[in-house]
Protein backbone atom coordinates (compact mmCIF):
# COMPACT_ATOMS: atom_id res chain seq x y z
CA MET A 1 0.22 -0.16 -0.27
CA GLY A 2 3.15 2.28 0.62
CA LEU A 3 2.20 3.43 4.15
CA GLU A 4 4.58 1.58 6.29
CA SER A 5 6.33 3.75 8.65
CA ARG A 6 4.69 7.32 7.47
CA ASN A 7 3.08 9.24 10.15
CA LEU A 8 -0.51 10.58 10.50
CA ILE A 9 -0.46 14.05 11.87
CA SER A 10 -2.99 15.92 9.54
CA THR A 11 -5.93 14.82 7.93
CA LEU A 12 -4.38 15.75 4.09
CA ASP A 13 -0.94 13.76 4.86
CA PHE A 14 -2.67 11.03 2.81
CA SER A 15 -3.41 11.22 -1.18
CA ILE A 16 -7.39 10.20 -1.79
CA GLU A 17 -5.77 7.49 -3.19
CA GLU A 18 -3.97 6.30 -0.27
CA GLN A 19 -7.06 7.03 1.93
CA ASP A 20 -9.95 5.22 0.06
CA GLU A 21 -6.99 2.24 0.43
CA VAL A 22 -7.38 2.18 3.93
CA LEU A 23 -11.34 2.42 4.01
CA ALA A 24 -11.31 -0.05 1.54
CA LEU A 25 -9.03 -2.26 3.99
CA ALA A 26 -11.48 -1.39 6.42
CA GLU A 27 -14.64 -2.50 4.77
CA ARG A 28 -12.93 -5.86 4.33
CA ILE A 29 -11.84 -6.34 8.32
CA MET A 30 -15.35 -5.22 8.86
CA ALA A 31 -17.02 -7.66 6.50
CA ALA A 32 -14.67 -10.73 8.05
CA PRO A 33 -12.97 -9.87 11.06
CA LYS A 34 -11.76 -12.99 11.97
CA GLU A 35 -9.41 -13.07 8.96
CA TYR A 36 -7.51 -10.67 10.63
CA ASP A 37 -7.20 -11.94 14.33
CA HIS A 38 -3.35 -11.97 14.24
CA LEU A 39 -2.54 -9.48 11.81
CA LEU A 40 -0.12 -7.62 14.17
CA GLY A 41 0.91 -10.39 16.55
CA GLY A 42 3.71 -9.63 18.14
CA ARG A 43 3.46 -5.66 17.99
CA ILE A 44 3.02 -2.98 20.12
CA MET A 45 1.11 -0.07 20.17
CA ALA A 46 1.66 2.92 22.60
CA SER A 47 -1.75 4.81 24.07
CA LEU A 48 -0.25 8.17 25.23
CA PHE A 49 -3.22 10.53 26.31
CA PHE A 50 -2.63 13.92 27.63
CA GLU A 51 -6.03 14.38 27.49
CA PRO A 52 -9.53 12.62 28.46
CA SER A 53 -10.72 10.50 25.90
CA THR A 54 -13.30 7.24 26.04
CA ARG A 55 -14.08 6.06 22.31
CA THR A 56 -10.88 7.54 20.63
CA ARG A 57 -8.77 5.71 23.48
CA LEU A 58 -10.70 2.29 23.60
CA SER A 59 -11.45 2.21 19.87
CA PHE A 60 -7.32 2.59 19.29
CA GLU A 61 -6.54 0.15 21.96
CA ALA A 62 -9.62 -2.42 20.86
CA ALA A 63 -8.31 -2.38 17.32
CA MET A 64 -4.61 -3.35 18.17
CA LEU A 65 -6.23 -6.03 20.83
CA ARG A 66 -8.11 -7.55 17.81
CA LEU A 67 -5.42 -7.42 15.28
CA GLY A 68 -3.39 -9.66 17.65
CA GLY A 69 -0.85 -6.87 19.33
CA ARG A 70 -0.56 -5.45 22.51
CA VAL A 71 -1.17 -2.08 24.16
CA ILE A 72 0.83 -0.08 27.20
CA GLY A 73 0.81 3.59 27.39
CA PHE A 74 -1.58 5.91 29.96
CA SER A 75 -4.89 7.41 30.15
CA GLU A 76 -3.91 10.89 31.36
CA ALA A 77 -1.27 13.51 31.66
CA GLY A 78 -0.91 12.83 35.67
CA SER A 79 -0.22 9.28 35.29
CA SER A 80 3.07 9.89 33.26
CA SER A 81 6.29 11.15 34.01
CA ALA A 82 4.79 14.35 32.18
CA ALA A 83 3.24 15.16 35.87
CA LYS A 84 7.35 15.31 36.57
CA GLY A 85 7.90 17.77 34.09
CA GLU A 86 9.30 15.45 31.75
CA SER A 87 8.92 16.92 28.36
CA LEU A 88 6.82 15.87 24.81
CA SER A 89 9.88 14.90 23.47
CA ASP A 90 11.79 13.13 25.82
CA THR A 91 8.87 11.46 26.62
CA ILE A 92 8.58 10.37 23.15
CA ARG A 93 12.10 9.46 22.35
CA THR A 94 11.69 6.99 25.28
CA VAL A 95 8.77 5.08 24.42
CA SER A 96 9.16 4.85 20.72
CA GLN A 97 12.54 2.35 22.06
CA TYR A 98 9.34 0.12 23.74
CA ALA A 99 6.62 0.01 20.89
CA ASP A 100 6.06 -0.58 17.34
CA ILE A 101 4.07 2.72 16.93
CA ILE A 102 2.45 5.52 19.09
CA VAL A 103 -0.74 6.88 19.24
CA VAL A 104 -0.82 10.70 21.00
CA ARG A 105 -3.70 13.00 22.21
CA HIS A 106 -2.18 16.20 23.72
CA PRO A 107 -4.20 19.21 24.75
CA LYS A 108 -1.94 21.49 22.60
CA GLU A 109 -1.86 22.19 18.81
CA GLY A 110 0.94 21.18 17.42
CA ALA A 111 1.85 18.37 19.98
CA ALA A 112 1.81 15.54 17.72
CA ASN A 113 3.84 16.97 14.75
CA ILE A 114 6.81 17.38 17.93
CA ALA A 115 5.92 13.91 18.53
CA ALA A 116 6.64 12.54 15.03
CA GLY A 117 9.75 14.94 14.48
CA VAL A 118 11.64 12.73 17.75
CA SER A 119 9.99 9.11 17.45
CA GLY A 120 11.83 6.31 16.03
CA VAL A 121 7.92 4.69 14.99
CA PRO A 122 5.30 5.75 13.32
CA VAL A 123 3.17 8.10 15.24
CA VAL A 124 -0.65 8.56 14.94
CA ASN A 125 -2.52 12.01 15.96
CA ALA A 126 -4.91 11.38 18.16
CA GLY A 127 -6.39 14.61 18.74
CA ASP A 128 -4.16 18.09 19.62
CA GLY A 129 -6.00 20.61 21.37
CA GLY A 130 -8.58 22.45 18.52
CA HIS A 131 -6.26 21.63 15.99
CA GLU A 132 -7.05 18.42 13.60
CA HIS A 133 -8.42 14.81 14.59
CA PRO A 134 -7.39 13.11 11.36
CA THR A 135 -8.29 9.32 12.45
CA GLN A 136 -12.17 10.42 13.52
CA THR A 137 -12.45 11.63 9.97
CA LEU A 138 -11.10 8.38 8.78
CA THR A 139 -14.05 7.05 11.22
CA ASP A 140 -16.53 9.80 9.28
CA LEU A 141 -15.77 8.76 6.16
CA LEU A 142 -15.76 4.90 6.54
CA THR A 143 -19.06 5.62 7.92
CA ILE A 144 -20.29 7.50 5.00
CA ARG A 145 -19.09 5.10 2.93
CA SER A 146 -21.34 2.38 4.54
CA VAL A 147 -24.28 4.17 4.89
CA LYS A 148 -24.35 6.31 1.87
CA LYS A 149 -22.04 4.02 -0.61
CA ARG A 150 -20.34 6.92 -1.56
CA VAL A 151 -18.47 9.74 -0.51
CA GLY A 152 -18.51 12.15 -3.90
CA GLY A 153 -21.32 14.48 -4.97
CA LEU A 154 -22.84 14.61 -1.54
CA ALA A 155 -24.32 18.02 0.39
CA VAL A 156 -22.55 18.02 3.70
CA GLY A 157 -24.49 20.21 6.86
CA CYS A 158 -21.60 20.56 9.83
CA CYS A 159 -23.83 21.91 12.90
CA GLY A 160 -22.86 23.45 16.27
CA ASP A 161 -19.48 24.06 17.62
CA LEU A 162 -17.72 24.94 14.05
CA LYS A 163 -15.28 27.50 15.58
CA PHE A 164 -13.21 24.94 17.99
CA GLY A 165 -14.34 21.53 16.75
CA ARG A 166 -11.74 19.71 15.59
CA THR A 167 -13.73 17.15 14.30
CA VAL A 168 -15.24 19.15 12.12
CA HIS A 169 -12.01 21.24 10.61
CA SER A 170 -10.28 17.61 9.72
CA LEU A 171 -13.93 16.38 8.05
CA VAL A 172 -14.29 19.42 6.04
CA LYS A 173 -10.66 19.46 5.00
CA ASN A 174 -10.48 16.05 3.99
CA ILE A 175 -13.77 15.44 2.11
CA SER A 176 -13.78 18.75 0.38
CA ARG A 177 -11.39 16.83 -1.89
CA TYR A 178 -13.65 14.49 -3.03
CA GLU A 179 -15.55 15.54 -6.53
CA GLY A 180 -19.05 17.50 -5.41
CA VAL A 181 -19.54 17.98 -2.34
CA SER A 182 -20.90 21.22 -0.71
CA PHE A 183 -21.03 22.28 2.79
CA ILE A 184 -23.97 23.98 4.79
CA PHE A 185 -22.53 25.71 7.92
CA ALA A 186 -25.37 25.91 10.54
CA SER A 187 -23.65 27.71 14.51
CA PRO A 188 -24.40 30.59 16.14
CA ASP A 189 -22.43 33.66 14.97
CA GLU A 190 -19.86 33.11 18.17
CA LEU A 191 -18.89 29.61 16.49
CA ARG A 192 -18.89 29.60 12.76
CA ILE A 193 -16.26 28.11 10.61
CA PRO A 194 -12.91 29.72 11.96
CA ARG A 195 -11.12 32.04 8.93
CA PHE A 196 -8.77 29.70 7.96
CA LEU A 197 -11.18 26.76 6.88
CA ARG A 198 -13.11 29.58 4.88
CA ALA A 199 -10.48 30.87 2.97
CA PHE A 200 -9.18 27.10 2.47
CA LEU A 201 -12.62 26.71 0.83
CA ASP A 202 -12.60 29.57 -0.91
CA ASP A 203 -9.11 28.70 -2.22
CA ASN A 204 -10.16 25.39 -3.83
CA GLY A 205 -13.48 26.64 -5.13
CA VAL A 206 -15.50 24.46 -2.89
CA GLU A 207 -19.19 25.59 -2.64
CA TYR A 208 -20.98 26.54 0.86
CA VAL A 209 -23.29 28.39 2.64
CA GLU A 210 -23.59 29.65 6.20
CA THR A 211 -26.86 30.14 8.40
CA ASP A 212 -27.67 30.79 12.12
CA ARG A 213 -30.72 28.28 11.64
CA MET A 214 -30.04 24.95 11.47
CA ASP A 215 -33.76 24.15 10.04
CA GLY A 216 -34.29 26.14 7.70
CA LYS A 217 -31.46 24.17 5.55
CA ILE A 218 -31.50 20.62 6.81
CA ALA A 219 -34.06 19.40 3.97
CA GLU A 220 -30.72 20.19 1.73
CA MET A 221 -28.59 18.13 3.60
CA ASP A 222 -27.24 14.57 2.40
CA VAL A 223 -25.35 14.04 5.79
CA LEU A 224 -25.58 16.28 8.89
CA TYR A 225 -22.57 16.27 11.25
CA MET A 226 -23.97 17.61 14.56
CA THR A 227 -21.06 18.79 17.45
CA ARG A 228 -21.25 19.29 21.40
CA VAL A 229 -20.80 23.41 22.18
CA GLN A 230 -17.35 22.38 23.85
CA LYS A 231 -17.60 23.79 27.45
CA GLU A 232 -13.53 22.89 27.79
CA ARG A 233 -13.01 25.49 24.42
CA PHE A 234 -14.81 28.19 26.40
CA PHE A 235 -13.00 31.25 28.98
CA ASN A 236 -16.35 32.40 29.82
CA GLU A 237 -18.76 29.66 31.32
CA GLU A 238 -21.56 31.97 30.79
CA GLU A 239 -21.10 32.37 27.02
CA TYR A 240 -20.97 28.82 27.45
CA ILE A 241 -24.34 28.33 28.84
CA ARG A 242 -25.65 31.00 26.37
CA LEU A 243 -24.86 29.49 23.49
CA LYS A 244 -24.88 25.55 24.15
CA ASP A 245 -28.30 24.61 23.55
CA LEU A 246 -29.24 26.92 20.50
CA PHE A 247 -28.90 24.22 18.32
CA ILE A 248 -30.57 20.82 19.23
CA LEU A 249 -31.56 18.24 16.66
CA ASP A 250 -34.87 16.66 17.45
CA ALA A 251 -37.73 14.86 15.66
CA GLY A 252 -39.67 17.81 14.33
CA LYS A 253 -36.62 19.14 12.44
CA LEU A 254 -36.25 15.78 11.20
CA ARG A 255 -39.80 15.96 9.38
CA SER A 256 -38.63 17.82 6.37
CA ALA A 257 -35.40 16.36 6.34
CA LYS A 258 -34.33 13.90 3.46
CA GLU A 259 -35.44 9.67 4.09
CA ASP A 260 -31.86 8.62 3.16
CA LEU A 261 -30.55 11.49 5.45
CA CYS A 262 -27.01 10.26 7.41
CA ILE A 263 -27.05 11.84 10.99
CA LEU A 264 -23.66 11.73 12.56
CA HIS A 265 -22.00 12.96 15.78
CA PRO A 266 -18.44 12.26 17.14
CA LEU A 267 -19.96 11.89 20.48
CA PRO A 268 -19.79 11.78 23.61
CA ARG A 269 -23.48 13.69 23.59
CA VAL A 270 -24.53 16.28 25.59
CA ASN A 271 -28.22 17.41 24.56
CA GLU A 272 -27.45 18.62 20.81
CA ILE A 273 -29.17 15.29 20.07
CA ALA A 274 -32.54 14.51 21.58
CA TYR A 275 -32.94 10.89 22.49
CA GLU A 276 -35.95 10.13 21.07
CA VAL A 277 -33.58 10.64 17.38
CA ASP A 278 -32.05 7.46 18.36
CA ALA A 279 -34.83 5.43 17.54
CA ASP A 280 -34.25 7.18 13.89
CA LYS A 281 -33.74 5.09 11.17
CA ARG A 282 -31.03 8.20 9.65
CA ALA A 283 -29.18 8.25 12.78
CA ALA A 284 -26.00 7.06 12.60
CA TYR A 285 -23.78 8.10 15.12
CA PHE A 286 -23.30 4.81 16.98
CA HIS A 287 -23.03 2.60 13.75
CA GLN A 288 -19.93 5.42 13.32
CA ALA A 289 -18.45 4.55 16.92
CA GLY A 290 -17.82 1.11 16.01
CA CYS A 291 -16.46 2.24 12.82
CA GLY A 292 -13.78 3.78 14.14
CA MET A 293 -12.71 0.31 15.63
CA TYR A 294 -12.69 -0.71 12.04
CA ALA A 295 -10.80 2.75 10.69
CA ARG A 296 -8.59 2.31 13.50
CA MET A 297 -7.38 -1.01 12.47
CA ALA A 298 -6.74 -0.43 8.79
CA LEU A 299 -4.56 2.33 9.42
CA MET A 300 -2.34 0.93 11.91
CA ALA A 301 -2.22 -2.48 9.45
CA SER A 302 -1.32 -0.09 7.05
CA LEU A 303 1.56 1.60 8.96
CA LEU A 304 2.91 -0.94 10.17
CA GLY A 305 3.22 -3.04 6.91
CA ALA A 306 0.94 -5.92 7.74
CA VAL A 307 -1.01 -5.53 4.46
């Protein structure tokens, strides 16, 4: 496949062709997981999470274990030598002596790039601050392929926190490379997509509209990507409280949506999707969580040259 010993730091590190090969492998693993049980036997993944995580950390660890590999690491900075003042670079240099691949999540933007610069083994960015989350994007694309049977030619709606949401930033930059993709961005004015992302879309001639209402545009969407308003990204709690409930998806809003709408959410959910929506056949966010494990299985197998 040509990805052996590469890093995945940015959502654009792989070409579309390379990415589609990883996604096709993930689909093969989904179809026959038992055939890949021992693919990474004897390999060790270091899971270095300096920031709390449930789905991303556990899906990476489950992915490695299901491929026959083993896992070492920590789930919070306080249980590592970072609590003693050790630099990220020194941690990575040390851990790369023990593991075949390193997965790192860090609250500071650019941390994964620093890790890749000093590591002796492949590094995967599992989220760095408000910057990027490339394996979530692989998860999102795999889910879209699973539900819609294509990626190109879709109208993708993104709703909620579009300013700080690294999952949205990664997805938009990545999926915009596919032919015929357009965007509908629904958010409070304070949480609009950042200027750099608007410039990226303008420079690449990608069509998009921005709105401060979800219900007025939902009928046009093929995919709806919901996000939570992240309390940890705000410095002012009053501002968070004022904005967090403005964009909530419920059964009423879905009445005008397409019958084959694909509803996604990177999770965790707070209250931006009403629980009544879970029973709707268009809700794909728990299927999406499952796809995350398979996407990461395919990624690690590719980076470790096992396929």
